Amino acid sequence: MAHQLDRTLEDLDKAMAQLRQAIREVPARRRAFKANHDRMARRVAELTVALSDSRSVIASEGKRRKR
């Protein structure tokens, strides 16, 4: 399960990097896109941290199930 979490975090990181590149081409104040982007990026960062912090719990639950 922890391996799936690692892959998901890697995919999320790649998607955010693509979004960062795409936002450079959009005018900053176009229909509040920048504000929405910043709010979404902050929430994704919070999610990423929460998932990373949960890695140890997920790994320990996986070990308990194998027994």
Protein backbone atom coordinates (compact mmCIF):
# COMPACT_ATOMS: atom_id res chain seq x y z
CA MET A 1 0.00 0.00 0.00
CA ALA A 2 2.86 2.40 0.76
CA HIS A 3 4.21 1.79 -2.75
CA GLN A 4 0.88 2.94 -4.21
CA LEU A 5 1.05 6.05 -2.07
CA ASP A 6 4.56 6.79 -3.34
CA ARG A 7 3.42 6.44 -6.95
CA THR A 8 0.39 8.64 -6.31
CA LEU A 9 2.55 11.35 -4.76
CA GLU A 10 4.95 11.18 -7.71
CA ASP A 11 2.06 11.50 -10.16
CA LEU A 12 0.63 14.41 -8.20
CA ASP A 13 4.03 16.12 -8.24
CA LYS A 14 4.25 15.72 -12.02
CA ALA A 15 0.74 17.10 -12.50
CA MET A 16 1.53 20.13 -10.35
CA ALA A 17 4.71 20.76 -12.34
CA GLN A 18 2.67 20.68 -15.56
CA LEU A 19 0.18 23.10 -14.04
CA ARG A 20 3.02 25.42 -13.02
CA GLN A 21 4.22 25.48 -16.63
CA ALA A 22 0.70 26.06 -17.96
CA ILE A 23 -0.02 28.98 -15.64
CA ARG A 24 2.89 30.91 -17.09
CA GLU A 25 0.94 31.19 -20.35
CA VAL A 26 -2.26 32.51 -18.74
CA PRO A 27 -2.62 36.19 -17.94
CA ALA A 28 -2.35 36.55 -14.15
CA ARG A 29 -5.70 38.20 -13.49
CA ARG A 30 -7.77 36.42 -16.09
CA ARG A 31 -11.14 35.69 -14.41
CA ALA A 32 -9.45 35.17 -11.03
CA PHE A 33 -7.58 32.14 -12.41
CA LYS A 34 -4.44 33.01 -10.48
CA ALA A 35 -6.31 33.25 -7.17
CA ASN A 36 -8.08 29.95 -7.84
CA HIS A 37 -4.79 28.34 -8.83
CA ASP A 38 -3.06 29.56 -5.68
CA ARG A 39 -5.89 28.30 -3.47
CA MET A 40 -5.90 24.91 -5.22
CA ALA A 41 -2.10 24.61 -5.06
CA ARG A 42 -2.15 25.33 -1.32
CA ARG A 43 -4.79 22.65 -0.74
CA VAL A 44 -2.88 20.13 -2.85
CA ALA A 45 0.24 20.90 -0.82
CA GLU A 46 -1.70 20.26 2.39
CA LEU A 47 -2.97 16.97 0.96
CA THR A 48 0.53 15.95 -0.11
CA VAL A 49 1.91 16.61 3.37
CA ALA A 50 -0.96 14.71 5.01
CA LEU A 51 -0.43 11.73 2.70
CA SER A 52 3.33 11.76 3.27
CA ASP A 53 2.80 11.87 7.02
CA SER A 54 0.39 8.94 6.84
CA ARG A 55 2.97 6.74 5.11
CA SER A 56 4.24 5.25 8.38
CA VAL A 57 0.70 4.38 9.51
CA ILE A 58 -0.10 2.75 6.18
CA ALA A 59 3.14 0.77 6.24
CA SER A 60 2.57 -0.47 9.78
CA GLU A 61 -1.02 -1.53 9.00
CA GLY A 62 0.22 -3.45 5.97
CA LYS A 63 2.71 -5.35 8.12
CA ARG A 64 0.02 -6.25 10.65
CA ARG A 65 -2.25 -7.64 7.95
CA LYS A 66 0.42 -10.01 6.61
CA ARG A 67 0.68 -11.86 9.91
